[in-house]
Structures are given as structure tokens and as C-alpha cells.
């Protein structure tokens, strides 16, 4: 019986033309040839990095903005064109990219960047200073101008501090006649508050803020993507409008808007719908919300999971102090060392940013004010 069901599903997939003609353009890692509404940022990033073509060190650059505002896409597009322009000059240059959240640790971030420029680094076993020394030696010996891009740099600093960034800024005094520049991409607009003043002054030589997309801008982006992904007439304008409005209501996230369109298309195909309509967008939103929470919780580091567990075990709202005390008892139970209250406050802020908890300031009258915390994760 189960075999008949599977054969029926697979035969249907083979015989149906499907709604999507090019699924690749709906993937999160797809970068279109045109990046609408980001022309100014593209020009500015290009102007900041262009001196490398004349054998000059580009300024370090920080890009800020919420998720899905085009920071990574703009950086990739500019570096891609810069690489082509580099073929017109005899100067040696190379570019390396690392997503800090994916890499996870300072060592993995640095070893990934090192390996990308031809420096072999073992998976574990070396001090960060030794990895830096090898990178600097390679850059000096090869006389190569290097640009490192650190995506989600705020994640790295929140979890590991800014020691790695300090080493980056300090290393420039040891590199000659080549150069090393850093492009940092942050989803947190308050990222600079986490940095030591010495690191901040060197790292943020240039800054660009990416504002969220509006509903109208998201509609244009989705229409352009739909033209590439779907045959003519397969997506209703009402569905695109709804998709844009939903994404605009959540920080103007283009990545989320495209992902919503992709999931809606998959749902419409499974229902053998003739076209993608508003109902499929609404179903996709429900599906993504469930997946988003599960994925966010799964990717949390241990102590963030312990904090979330602590909050979920209590039915009522709690203050930061109450949560810390419950968290500390939980760490004793599982025999692991607890973090400081300051570190816990930083993790609570991250859980809030991920939408897993909600915080609000509650007045206690003459006793002052306190922060009240609730969980957003279904129990």
C-alpha cells in the first residue's frame, strides 16, 4: 500500500509541469544580476574598496542593517566585480568570505579565512596568535593585498568577545608592502557598543547603514524574481502584494519575502494548483513560522537553550534576576559552570532579537522599574 502511495506521488511529480520553472532563483543564496534600491550602497562600497586596484589599502568597512536588507548580496556583487577588475592590473590581491554564525568559533572563522587565501591551518590545535602569524607571513611573502569579509560579525563578538578583531586591527602594523582590510557585516545596529574603543576606532573607518525595504520596494523585488522563477501568469499579483506586505511588517526582510514565495510555490504545487494565490502565501506563512522557531531553538548555544528552558518552565513572566537565579540552579543540576549575570543579560537580548522571548519594562512604583520577560516559544 505504501509503495503504491509513493509511486503515485512520484508519477504525479514526473507528469506535472509544475509551477516553478527555475527554482534556483528562489534560493536564499541566489544573488540576482540587479539589486534594486541598493545602487547607492553598491557605489559606496565599490568606492571604498577600489583603492586596492592601485596597490593601496582600502579602509576597513562595517555594514549595518537588519537581516534581508541586502548587505551580503551587495558585498558579494562588489567583490565579484572587483575580482574581474583585478585581472587588468598586475597587482596581487585575493578576497575571502566567512559567515561567523556558520563557522561558530573564533578559531574556525580564522582558519576558514586562512585556508581561503592558501594558508593551510589544521582543524584544531593552534593558538589564534599562531594562525595570525601564518596569515601575516603569507601575505608579506606573496605581497598580496587581502580583503576578508566577516558576515554576522556581531554573532562572533557576542559569543567570543572582540579579541579576534583586535588581532585584525593590530596585524596591519606588521604587514608591508601588502595589506589586509576587513569588511564586517552586522545584523545588530548596536554592535559597536560591544567593542573595545581601540578596536572600534580602527575597525569602523567607514560605515554604511542598510535600511529595511518598504512594501513597495519588496513588491518590485518579488515581481522581478517571479519573472525569473515562474512561467507568465502563474503567480497572481495579489499573492505578490500580500507576500510583500507581510515581509515589510517584519523589518522589510527581502530574504524572508522570497522564502515565503518559495514555500508558497511548493504548497501550491503539492495541491496541483493552476497558479499561486493569496491562500498559498498564508499557508506558507504558518509553515515558516513553525520552522523558524524550531530552527532558531536548535541552533542556540547551550547556555541560551538553558535560559530558554528556564523561562519556559515558569508559566508567569519573570524578572532578569529571577531568571538568572533559576538558570544558575539549572546549571548546578546538570553540572556545568554558569555564566555571569552580565553575559546572561546579553544572551537574553539575543533571544529577544530572535523573537523567542519578549521583554517589557514594568513599573514597580516607588520600587523603581524592572524588566519582565515572557517566552514566545509554544510549550
Foldseek 3Di string as FASTA:
>chain_A
DVVVVVVVVVVLVVPDPAFWPDLVLLDLPDQDPDDPPCVVVLVVVLVQCVCVLVQDAGAFEEEEAAAQLCPVSSVVNSVVVVVVVSVVGPAAEDEEEDECLVLPALVSRLQRRCVRVPQHDDPDDDDPVVSLVSSQVVCQVVVYAYEYEYEQVLVHCLVPNCPSLVSVQVCQVVHPPYGYYYYYYHNDPCSLVRHDPVSSVRNHPDYHYRAADALVRLLVVVVVSCPVTGDPPQEDSQLSSVLSVVCNVPRNRSSSSSNLVSQLSVVCVVVVHSHRYNVSSVVSVVVVVVVLVVVVLVSDPDLLVLLLVLQVVDPFWDFLVVSQVSSCVVCVVVVHDDDDSVSVVSSVVVCVVSVQKPWDWDAPPPVGITIIMHGPDDD
